[in-house]
Protein backbone atom coordinates (compact mmCIF):
# COMPACT_ATOMS: atom_id res chain seq x y z
CA MET A 1 21.91 -13.83 2.81
CA GLU A 2 20.30 -10.09 2.73
CA ILE A 3 17.11 -10.85 0.98
CA LEU A 4 16.13 -13.36 3.89
CA GLY A 5 16.82 -10.38 6.44
CA LEU A 6 14.53 -8.43 4.58
CA ILE A 7 11.62 -11.04 4.16
CA ASP A 8 11.83 -11.55 8.06
CA THR A 9 11.70 -7.97 8.76
CA LEU A 10 8.93 -8.16 6.32
CA GLU A 11 6.95 -11.02 8.07
CA SER A 12 7.36 -9.26 11.58
CA MET A 13 5.58 -6.21 10.05
CA VAL A 14 2.85 -8.59 9.02
CA LEU A 15 2.66 -10.30 12.35
CA ASP A 16 3.23 -6.98 14.53
CA GLY A 17 0.13 -5.42 12.94
CA PHE A 18 -2.66 -4.61 14.07
CA LYS A 19 -5.44 -7.34 14.06
CA ILE A 20 -9.24 -5.89 12.68
CA PRO A 21 -11.46 -7.43 14.99
CA MET A 22 -14.11 -10.27 13.51
CA THR A 23 -12.24 -10.49 10.34
CA LYS A 24 -8.82 -12.21 9.09
CA LYS A 25 -7.40 -8.96 8.10
CA THR A 26 -4.71 -6.93 9.16
CA LEU A 27 -3.34 -3.40 9.52
CA ILE A 28 0.43 -2.30 9.06
CA ASP A 29 2.60 0.61 7.93
CA GLU A 30 2.17 0.69 4.16
CA GLU A 31 5.23 2.76 4.36
CA LYS A 32 7.42 0.52 5.91
CA VAL A 33 6.38 -2.30 3.84
CA LEU A 34 7.21 -0.99 0.81
CA SER A 35 10.38 0.52 1.68
CA VAL A 36 11.39 -3.19 2.48
CA ILE A 37 9.75 -4.45 -0.94
CA ASP A 38 12.04 -1.82 -2.72
CA LYS A 39 14.67 -2.72 -0.99
CA ILE A 40 14.28 -6.81 -1.67
CA ARG A 41 13.89 -5.47 -5.44
CA LEU A 42 17.30 -3.62 -5.19
CA VAL A 43 18.75 -6.78 -3.99
CA VAL A 44 16.91 -8.91 -6.65
CA GLN A 45 18.10 -7.15 -9.33
CA GLY A 46 21.90 -7.15 -7.99
CA GLY A 47 22.43 -3.56 -7.29
CA GLY A 48 25.69 -5.08 -5.40
CA ASP A 49 27.35 -2.54 -3.07
CA PHE A 50 25.15 0.15 -4.48
CA VAL A 51 22.29 -1.81 -3.05
CA LYS A 52 24.22 -2.20 0.22
CA LYS A 53 25.14 1.16 0.63
CA VAL A 54 21.48 2.35 0.40
CA ILE A 55 19.98 -0.31 2.43
CA ASP A 56 22.99 0.92 5.84
CA LYS A 57 22.02 4.59 5.01
CA ARG A 58 18.43 4.27 4.71
CA GLY A 59 18.33 1.34 7.48
CA THR A 60 14.68 -1.02 7.92
CA SER A 61 12.62 1.90 8.80
CA ALA A 62 10.94 3.76 5.99
CA ALA A 63 10.56 7.22 5.51
CA PRO A 64 7.66 8.71 4.34
CA ARG A 65 7.47 8.95 0.31
CA GLN A 66 7.38 12.43 -1.27
CA ALA A 67 4.46 12.74 -3.49
CA SER A 68 6.55 15.18 -5.40
CA ILE A 69 9.74 14.26 -7.18
CA ASP A 70 12.76 16.06 -6.43
CA PHE A 71 14.69 16.30 -9.53
CA ALA A 72 17.98 17.35 -8.34
CA GLU A 73 18.17 14.17 -6.35
CA ALA A 74 17.01 11.72 -8.73
CA ARG A 75 19.90 13.49 -10.64
CA LYS A 76 22.32 12.62 -7.94
CA GLU A 77 21.34 9.15 -8.10
CA VAL A 78 21.38 8.32 -11.41
CA GLU A 79 25.38 9.89 -12.02
CA LYS A 80 25.80 7.34 -8.84
CA VAL A 81 24.20 4.51 -10.76
CA LYS A 82 25.94 5.59 -14.37
CA GLU A 83 29.28 5.68 -12.93
CA SER A 84 28.34 1.69 -11.29
CA ILE A 85 27.52 0.94 -15.04
CA PRO A 86 30.04 -0.95 -16.72
CA ILE A 87 31.54 1.05 -19.52
CA THR A 88 30.11 -1.18 -22.13
CA ALA A 89 26.61 -0.48 -21.20
CA ALA A 90 25.29 2.56 -22.96
CA PRO A 91 24.36 5.00 -20.49
CA GLU A 92 21.47 5.93 -22.44
CA GLU A 93 20.05 2.90 -22.75
CA LYS A 94 20.87 1.98 -18.80
CA ALA A 95 19.12 5.59 -17.99
CA VAL A 96 16.17 4.58 -20.01
CA GLU A 97 15.58 0.93 -18.40
CA ILE A 98 15.80 3.04 -15.14
CA ILE A 99 13.08 5.33 -16.21
CA GLU A 100 11.25 2.04 -17.53
CA ASN A 101 11.58 0.53 -14.17
CA ALA A 102 10.37 3.13 -12.26
CA TYR A 103 7.19 4.15 -14.61
CA ARG A 104 6.20 0.28 -13.80
CA ILE A 105 6.89 0.37 -10.53
CA ALA A 106 4.78 3.67 -9.71
CA LYS A 107 1.92 2.46 -11.78
CA GLU A 108 1.80 -1.18 -9.91
CA VAL A 109 1.36 1.26 -6.58
CA ARG A 110 -1.21 3.31 -8.08
CA MET A 111 -3.19 0.21 -8.91
CA GLY A 112 -2.61 -1.52 -5.63
CA ALA A 113 -3.45 1.58 -4.62
CA ASP A 114 -7.05 1.80 -6.30
CA LYS A 115 -8.03 -1.61 -5.80
CA TYR A 116 -7.40 -1.21 -2.17
CA ALA A 117 -9.52 1.60 -2.18
CA ASP A 118 -12.59 0.22 -4.00
CA GLU A 119 -11.84 -2.92 -1.40
CA VAL A 120 -12.64 -0.53 1.35
CA LEU A 121 -15.10 1.34 -0.35
CA SER A 122 -17.13 -2.44 -1.15
CA ASN A 123 -16.52 -3.25 2.78
CA LEU A 124 -18.08 0.48 3.41
CA GLU A 125 -21.15 -0.40 1.28
CA ILE A 126 -22.21 -3.80 2.34
CA THR A 127 -20.91 -2.72 5.98
CA SER A 128 -23.84 0.55 5.60
CA GLY A 129 -26.22 -1.58 4.01
CA ARG A 130 -26.42 -4.19 6.94
CA VAL A 131 -26.72 -1.14 9.66
CA LEU A 132 -29.39 0.35 7.18
CA ARG A 133 -31.94 -3.48 6.93
CA ALA A 134 -31.60 -3.31 10.95
CA VAL A 135 -32.55 0.29 11.53
CA ARG A 136 -35.72 -0.91 9.29
CA ALA A 137 -36.29 -3.98 11.06
CA GLY A 138 -35.95 -2.32 14.54
CA ARG A 139 -38.41 0.58 13.37
CA GLN A 140 -40.84 -1.67 12.15
CA ARG A 141 -40.54 -3.80 15.46
CA LEU A 142 -41.55 -1.00 17.29
CA GLY A 143 -44.34 0.31 14.74
CA LYS A 144 -45.91 -3.15 15.71
CA TYR A 145 -45.48 -3.21 19.26
CA THR A 146 -46.76 0.21 19.48
CA GLY A 147 -49.68 0.55 16.38
CA SER A 148 -48.07 3.37 15.60
CA THR A 149 -46.57 4.24 11.96
CA ALA A 150 -44.38 7.35 13.22
CA PHE A 151 -41.49 4.16 13.69
CA MET A 152 -41.85 2.82 9.89
CA PRO A 153 -39.86 3.54 7.40
CA GLU A 154 -41.02 6.19 5.43
CA SER A 155 -41.84 4.41 2.21
CA GLU A 156 -44.07 2.27 4.59
CA ASN A 157 -46.17 4.95 6.30
CA LYS A 158 -47.95 5.82 2.96
């Protein structure tokens, strides 16, 4: 089954990712993972032959996502999808559904990126706080041994 192969690919990306020392975190290639997730969504939504063609055409490696939308290419893709839709479905309804799904997915990606950025900044804030406390403690210790206030933090010199 195609979805199992895609899940195996996703799993191997996580397992092959760069391990961050002293944490349980792993760095992975975001573009490749998002590409595989997109393919899984297509398979789960039952795109049929269209999905197989897209997966075969793009392969498992992820091409960089474009920040701007290429409307001409998007129109061609919409036309292809419209041709594969049974005549009984209204093309406008299907187009609206596709656009809504695209907006929903884009919103999820943005929210995920914001959450990740917040997590990284939070970790940076905690780490820099620890470093600052260690520096202050070191300067205090130096000040005790030498009797000088030159090593004391500014707030304690006064």
